[in-house]
Amino acid sequence: MAAKKKFNFEASMVRLEEIVSLLEKGDAPLEKAMSLFEEGAGLLERMVLEKHVLGQDNYTGILIACQ
């Protein structure tokens, strides 16, 4: 049985910032941009879920980082 990889909030935040930067450049082909968007949406969903499960209800930092 494969071990479940532990979620790393900080690493996910860094990756989300990278994705936002790549998408803001606007030079990625459509298929790549869609793939990046889906990855970012998944990361954001997981980040919010992790904060909720840990009892941290302040999502302001996440939302600001994604704008």
PDB file of N, CA and C in Angstrom:
ATOM      1  N   MET A   1       0.839  -1.179   0.000  1.00  0.00           N
ATOM      2  CA  MET A   1       0.000   0.000   0.000  1.00  0.00           C
ATOM      3  C   MET A   1       0.886   1.246   0.000  1.00  0.00           C
ATOM      4  N   ALA A   2       0.587   2.173  -0.886  1.00  0.00           N
ATOM      5  CA  ALA A   2       1.382   3.399  -0.987  1.00  0.00           C
ATOM      6  C   ALA A   2       1.053   4.334   0.171  1.00  0.00           C
ATOM      7  N   ALA A   3       2.081   4.979   0.697  1.00  0.00           N
ATOM      8  CA  ALA A   3       1.882   5.919   1.783  1.00  0.00           C
ATOM      9  C   ALA A   3       1.238   7.194   1.241  1.00  0.00           C
ATOM     10  N   LYS A   4       0.308   7.730   2.004  1.00  0.00           N
ATOM     11  CA  LYS A   4      -0.358   8.965   1.601  1.00  0.00           C
ATOM     12  C   LYS A   4       0.573  10.138   1.871  1.00  0.00           C
ATOM     13  N   LYS A   5       0.795  10.960   0.855  1.00  0.00           N
ATOM     14  CA  LYS A   5       1.682  12.108   0.985  1.00  0.00           C
ATOM     15  C   LYS A   5       1.011  13.179   1.836  1.00  0.00           C
ATOM     16  N   LYS A   6       1.742  13.696   2.817  1.00  0.00           N
ATOM     17  CA  LYS A   6       1.222  14.730   3.705  1.00  0.00           C
ATOM     18  C   LYS A   6       1.113  16.058   2.953  1.00  0.00           C
ATOM     19  N   PHE A   7       0.011  16.726   3.156  1.00  0.00           N
ATOM     20  CA  PHE A   7      -0.233  18.017   2.512  1.00  0.00           C
ATOM     21  C   PHE A   7       0.632  19.082   3.162  1.00  0.00           C
ATOM     22  N   ASN A   8       1.297  19.885   2.351  1.00  0.00           N
ATOM     23  CA  ASN A   8       2.153  20.955   2.842  1.00  0.00           C
ATOM     24  C   ASN A   8       1.542  22.282   2.408  1.00  0.00           C
ATOM     25  N   PHE A   9       0.954  22.996   3.379  1.00  0.00           N
ATOM     26  CA  PHE A   9       0.249  24.243   3.079  1.00  0.00           C
ATOM     27  C   PHE A   9       1.180  25.287   2.475  1.00  0.00           C
ATOM     28  N   GLU A  10       2.348  25.451   3.085  1.00  0.00           N
ATOM     29  CA  GLU A  10       3.282  26.488   2.626  1.00  0.00           C
ATOM     30  C   GLU A  10       3.775  26.211   1.206  1.00  0.00           C
ATOM     31  N   ALA A  11       4.112  24.968   0.922  1.00  0.00           N
ATOM     32  CA  ALA A  11       4.560  24.606  -0.426  1.00  0.00           C
ATOM     33  C   ALA A  11       3.429  24.812  -1.440  1.00  0.00           C
ATOM     34  N   SER A  12       2.214  24.535  -1.023  1.00  0.00           N
ATOM     35  CA  SER A  12       1.062  24.742  -1.906  1.00  0.00           C
ATOM     36  C   SER A  12       0.855  26.219  -2.194  1.00  0.00           C
ATOM     37  N   MET A  13       1.072  27.064  -1.195  1.00  0.00           N
ATOM     38  CA  MET A  13       0.943  28.502  -1.390  1.00  0.00           C
ATOM     39  C   MET A  13       1.980  29.007  -2.391  1.00  0.00           C
ATOM     40  N   VAL A  14       3.213  28.515  -2.271  1.00  0.00           N
ATOM     41  CA  VAL A  14       4.269  28.896  -3.209  1.00  0.00           C
ATOM     42  C   VAL A  14       3.887  28.462  -4.624  1.00  0.00           C
ATOM     43  N   ARG A  15       3.407  27.227  -4.759  1.00  0.00           N
ATOM     44  CA  ARG A  15       3.023  26.733  -6.086  1.00  0.00           C
ATOM     45  C   ARG A  15       1.854  27.534  -6.650  1.00  0.00           C
ATOM     46  N   LEU A  16       0.890  27.881  -5.808  1.00  0.00           N
ATOM     47  CA  LEU A  16      -0.249  28.668  -6.265  1.00  0.00           C
ATOM     48  C   LEU A  16       0.210  30.037  -6.762  1.00  0.00           C
ATOM     49  N   GLU A  17       1.150  30.644  -6.073  1.00  0.00           N
ATOM     50  CA  GLU A  17       1.690  31.932  -6.519  1.00  0.00           C
ATOM     51  C   GLU A  17       2.409  31.783  -7.858  1.00  0.00           C
ATOM     52  N   GLU A  18       3.127  30.671  -8.046  1.00  0.00           N
ATOM     53  CA  GLU A  18       3.787  30.415  -9.336  1.00  0.00           C
ATOM     54  C   GLU A  18       2.750  30.295 -10.456  1.00  0.00           C
ATOM     55  N   ILE A  19       1.687  29.566 -10.178  1.00  0.00           N
ATOM     56  CA  ILE A  19       0.633  29.365 -11.176  1.00  0.00           C
ATOM     57  C   ILE A  19      -0.005  30.700 -11.547  1.00  0.00           C
ATOM     58  N   VAL A  20      -0.315  31.509 -10.558  1.00  0.00           N
ATOM     59  CA  VAL A  20      -0.921  32.819 -10.814  1.00  0.00           C
ATOM     60  C   VAL A  20       0.012  33.662 -11.678  1.00  0.00           C
ATOM     61  N   SER A  21       1.285  33.643 -11.368  1.00  0.00           N
ATOM     62  CA  SER A  21       2.263  34.412 -12.141  1.00  0.00           C
ATOM     63  C   SER A  21       2.306  33.940 -13.592  1.00  0.00           C
ATOM     64  N   LEU A  22       2.321  32.635 -13.788  1.00  0.00           N
ATOM     65  CA  LEU A  22       2.349  32.088 -15.153  1.00  0.00           C
ATOM     66  C   LEU A  22       1.088  32.470 -15.931  1.00  0.00           C
ATOM     67  N   LEU A  23      -0.052  32.400 -15.265  1.00  0.00           N
ATOM     68  CA  LEU A  23      -1.301  32.736 -15.944  1.00  0.00           C
ATOM     69  C   LEU A  23      -1.393  34.237 -16.236  1.00  0.00           C
ATOM     70  N   GLU A  24      -0.855  35.066 -15.355  1.00  0.00           N
ATOM     71  CA  GLU A  24      -0.895  36.507 -15.580  1.00  0.00           C
ATOM     72  C   GLU A  24      -0.040  36.929 -16.768  1.00  0.00           C
ATOM     73  N   LYS A  25       1.013  36.174 -17.043  1.00  0.00           N
ATOM     74  CA  LYS A  25       1.844  36.489 -18.209  1.00  0.00           C
ATOM     75  C   LYS A  25       1.031  36.396 -19.493  1.00  0.00           C
ATOM     76  N   GLY A  26       0.135  35.430 -19.541  1.00  0.00           N
ATOM     77  CA  GLY A  26      -0.762  35.297 -20.684  1.00  0.00           C
ATOM     78  C   GLY A  26      -0.157  34.670 -21.922  1.00  0.00           C
ATOM     79  N   ASP A  27       1.047  34.098 -21.810  1.00  0.00           N
ATOM     80  CA  ASP A  27       1.675  33.542 -23.002  1.00  0.00           C
ATOM     81  C   ASP A  27       1.617  32.009 -23.068  1.00  0.00           C
ATOM     82  N   ALA A  28       0.929  31.391 -22.122  1.00  0.00           N
ATOM     83  CA  ALA A  28       0.807  29.933 -22.148  1.00  0.00           C
ATOM     84  C   ALA A  28      -0.259  29.533 -23.167  1.00  0.00           C
ATOM     85  N   PRO A  29      -0.022  28.448 -23.901  1.00  0.00           N
ATOM     86  CA  PRO A  29      -1.060  27.946 -24.810  1.00  0.00           C
ATOM     87  C   PRO A  29      -2.330  27.616 -24.012  1.00  0.00           C
ATOM     88  N   LEU A  30      -3.459  27.646 -24.661  1.00  0.00           N
ATOM     89  CA  LEU A  30      -4.739  27.461 -23.991  1.00  0.00           C
ATOM     90  C   LEU A  30      -4.781  26.179 -23.167  1.00  0.00           C
ATOM     91  N   GLU A  31      -4.328  25.083 -23.733  1.00  0.00           N
ATOM     92  CA  GLU A  31      -4.377  23.802 -23.018  1.00  0.00           C
ATOM     93  C   GLU A  31      -3.520  23.851 -21.745  1.00  0.00           C
ATOM     94  N   LYS A  32      -2.349  24.452 -21.831  1.00  0.00           N
ATOM     95  CA  LYS A  32      -1.471  24.582 -20.668  1.00  0.00           C
ATOM     96  C   LYS A  32      -2.103  25.517 -19.639  1.00  0.00           C
ATOM     97  N   ALA A  33      -2.699  26.617 -20.092  1.00  0.00           N
ATOM     98  CA  ALA A  33      -3.351  27.556 -19.187  1.00  0.00           C
ATOM     99  C   ALA A  33      -4.506  26.883 -18.448  1.00  0.00           C
ATOM    100  N   MET A  34      -5.273  26.080 -19.150  1.00  0.00           N
ATOM    101  CA  MET A  34      -6.384  25.355 -18.512  1.00  0.00           C
ATOM    102  C   MET A  34      -5.859  24.368 -17.474  1.00  0.00           C
ATOM    103  N   SER A  35      -4.782  23.694 -17.807  1.00  0.00           N
ATOM    104  CA  SER A  35      -4.172  22.744 -16.879  1.00  0.00           C
ATOM    105  C   SER A  35      -3.672  23.458 -15.620  1.00  0.00           C
ATOM    106  N   LEU A  36      -3.020  24.595 -15.806  1.00  0.00           N
ATOM    107  CA  LEU A  36      -2.543  25.382 -14.664  1.00  0.00           C
ATOM    108  C   LEU A  36      -3.712  25.876 -13.812  1.00  0.00           C
ATOM    109  N   PHE A  37      -4.766  26.338 -14.473  1.00  0.00           N
ATOM    110  CA  PHE A  37      -5.945  26.817 -13.758  1.00  0.00           C
ATOM    111  C   PHE A  37      -6.545  25.705 -12.909  1.00  0.00           C
ATOM    112  N   GLU A  38      -6.679  24.513 -13.491  1.00  0.00           N
ATOM    113  CA  GLU A  38      -7.244  23.376 -12.756  1.00  0.00           C
ATOM    114  C   GLU A  38      -6.362  22.997 -11.565  1.00  0.00           C
ATOM    115  N   GLU A  39      -5.053  23.009 -11.767  1.00  0.00           N
ATOM    116  CA  GLU A  39      -4.133  22.715 -10.671  1.00  0.00           C
ATOM    117  C   GLU A  39      -4.291  23.745  -9.558  1.00  0.00           C
ATOM    118  N   GLY A  40      -4.346  25.014  -9.929  1.00  0.00           N
ATOM    119  CA  GLY A  40      -4.498  26.083  -8.950  1.00  0.00           C
ATOM    120  C   GLY A  40      -5.817  25.991  -8.192  1.00  0.00           C
ATOM    121  N   ALA A  41      -6.888  25.693  -8.899  1.00  0.00           N
ATOM    122  CA  ALA A  41      -8.196  25.565  -8.250  1.00  0.00           C
ATOM    123  C   ALA A  41      -8.183  24.406  -7.257  1.00  0.00           C
ATOM    124  N   GLY A  42      -7.538  23.319  -7.635  1.00  0.00           N
ATOM    125  CA  GLY A  42      -7.425  22.177  -6.734  1.00  0.00           C
ATOM    126  C   GLY A  42      -6.608  22.501  -5.497  1.00  0.00           C
ATOM    127  N   LEU A  43      -5.510  23.211  -5.694  1.00  0.00           N
ATOM    128  CA  LEU A  43      -4.679  23.624  -4.554  1.00  0.00           C
ATOM    129  C   LEU A  43      -5.457  24.538  -3.622  1.00  0.00           C
ATOM    130  N   LEU A  44      -6.153  25.504  -4.190  1.00  0.00           N
ATOM    131  CA  LEU A  44      -6.913  26.446  -3.378  1.00  0.00           C
ATOM    132  C   LEU A  44      -7.986  25.714  -2.576  1.00  0.00           C
ATOM    133  N   GLU A  45      -8.678  24.800  -3.210  1.00  0.00           N
ATOM    134  CA  GLU A  45      -9.711  24.030  -2.521  1.00  0.00           C
ATOM    135  C   GLU A  45      -9.105  23.245  -1.362  1.00  0.00           C
ATOM    136  N   ARG A  46      -7.971  22.608  -1.609  1.00  0.00           N
ATOM    137  CA  ARG A  46      -7.303  21.826  -0.555  1.00  0.00           C
ATOM    138  C   ARG A  46      -6.798  22.727   0.571  1.00  0.00           C
ATOM    139  N   MET A  47      -6.283  23.903   0.220  1.00  0.00           N
ATOM    140  CA  MET A  47      -5.785  24.833   1.227  1.00  0.00           C
ATOM    141  C   MET A  47      -6.916  25.306   2.139  1.00  0.00           C
ATOM    142  N   VAL A  48      -8.052  25.648   1.562  1.00  0.00           N
ATOM    143  CA  VAL A  48      -9.199  26.096   2.348  1.00  0.00           C
ATOM    144  C   VAL A  48      -9.694  24.954   3.227  1.00  0.00           C
ATOM    145  N   LEU A  49      -9.778  23.758   2.679  1.00  0.00           N
ATOM    146  CA  LEU A  49     -10.216  22.595   3.446  1.00  0.00           C
ATOM    147  C   LEU A  49      -9.277  22.338   4.618  1.00  0.00           C
ATOM    148  N   GLU A  50      -7.978  22.388   4.382  1.00  0.00           N
ATOM    149  CA  GLU A  50      -7.007  22.157   5.455  1.00  0.00           C
ATOM    150  C   GLU A  50      -7.159  23.191   6.561  1.00  0.00           C
ATOM    151  N   LYS A  51      -7.333  24.440   6.200  1.00  0.00           N
ATOM    152  CA  LYS A  51      -7.505  25.492   7.207  1.00  0.00           C
ATOM    153  C   LYS A  51      -8.784  25.255   8.000  1.00  0.00           C
ATOM    154  N   HIS A  52      -9.857  24.833   7.331  1.00  0.00           N
ATOM    155  CA  HIS A  52     -11.122  24.577   8.012  1.00  0.00           C
ATOM    156  C   HIS A  52     -10.982  23.390   8.970  1.00  0.00           C
ATOM    157  N   VAL A  53     -10.368  22.331   8.517  1.00  0.00           N
ATOM    158  CA  VAL A  53     -10.193  21.135   9.347  1.00  0.00           C
ATOM    159  C   VAL A  53      -9.335  21.450  10.562  1.00  0.00           C
ATOM    160  N   LEU A  54      -8.355  22.313  10.393  1.00  0.00           N
ATOM    161  CA  LEU A  54      -7.481  22.678  11.503  1.00  0.00           C
ATOM    162  C   LEU A  54      -8.117  23.716  12.422  1.00  0.00           C
ATOM    163  N   GLY A  55      -9.321  24.162  12.082  1.00  0.00           N
ATOM    164  CA  GLY A  55     -10.030  25.106  12.928  1.00  0.00           C
ATOM    165  C   GLY A  55      -9.603  26.547  12.728  1.00  0.00           C
ATOM    166  N   GLN A  56      -8.949  26.839  11.644  1.00  0.00           N
ATOM    167  CA  GLN A  56      -8.513  28.207  11.361  1.00  0.00           C
ATOM    168  C   GLN A  56      -9.499  28.807  10.365  1.00  0.00           C
ATOM    169  N   ASP A  57     -10.342  29.671  10.860  1.00  0.00           N
ATOM    170  CA  ASP A  57     -11.430  30.198  10.040  1.00  0.00           C
ATOM    171  C   ASP A  57     -11.074  31.447   9.252  1.00  0.00           C
ATOM    172  N   ASN A  58      -9.861  31.957   9.402  1.00  0.00           N
ATOM    173  CA  ASN A  58      -9.486  33.184   8.708  1.00  0.00           C
ATOM    174  C   ASN A  58      -8.848  32.842   7.364  1.00  0.00           C
ATOM    175  N   TYR A  59      -9.608  32.998   6.283  1.00  0.00           N
ATOM    176  CA  TYR A  59      -9.124  32.669   4.948  1.00  0.00           C
ATOM    177  C   TYR A  59      -8.607  33.909   4.215  1.00  0.00           C
ATOM    178  N   THR A  60      -8.538  35.039   4.882  1.00  0.00           N
ATOM    179  CA  THR A  60      -8.161  36.300   4.252  1.00  0.00           C
ATOM    180  C   THR A  60      -6.822  36.197   3.539  1.00  0.00           C
ATOM    181  N   GLY A  61      -5.822  35.589   4.180  1.00  0.00           N
ATOM    182  CA  GLY A  61      -4.501  35.454   3.569  1.00  0.00           C
ATOM    183  C   GLY A  61      -4.546  34.671   2.279  1.00  0.00           C
ATOM    184  N   ILE A  62      -5.332  33.621   2.245  1.00  0.00           N
ATOM    185  CA  ILE A  62      -5.469  32.814   1.031  1.00  0.00           C
ATOM    186  C   ILE A  62      -6.133  33.641  -0.059  1.00  0.00           C
ATOM    187  N   LEU A  63      -7.206  34.305   0.285  1.00  0.00           N
ATOM    188  CA  LEU A  63      -7.948  35.071  -0.713  1.00  0.00           C
ATOM    189  C   LEU A  63      -7.134  36.226  -1.265  1.00  0.00           C
ATOM    190  N   ILE A  64      -6.391  36.909  -0.416  1.00  0.00           N
ATOM    191  CA  ILE A  64      -5.545  38.006  -0.874  1.00  0.00           C
ATOM    192  C   ILE A  64      -4.467  37.503  -1.820  1.00  0.00           C
ATOM    193  N   ALA A  65      -3.864  36.363  -1.489  1.00  0.00           N
ATOM    194  CA  ALA A  65      -2.801  35.802  -2.316  1.00  0.00           C
ATOM    195  C   ALA A  65      -3.300  35.402  -3.692  1.00  0.00           C
ATOM    196  N   CYS A  66      -4.585  35.090  -3.791  1.00  0.00           N
ATOM    197  CA  CYS A  66      -5.145  34.623  -5.062  1.00  0.00           C
ATOM    198  C   CYS A  66      -5.680  35.745  -5.932  1.00  0.00           C
ATOM    199  N   GLN A  67      -5.659  36.966  -5.440  1.00  0.00           N
ATOM    200  CA  GLN A  67      -6.194  38.079  -6.235  1.00  0.00           C
ATOM    201  C   GLN A  67      -5.131  38.666  -7.111  1.00  0.00           C
TER     202      GLN A  67
END
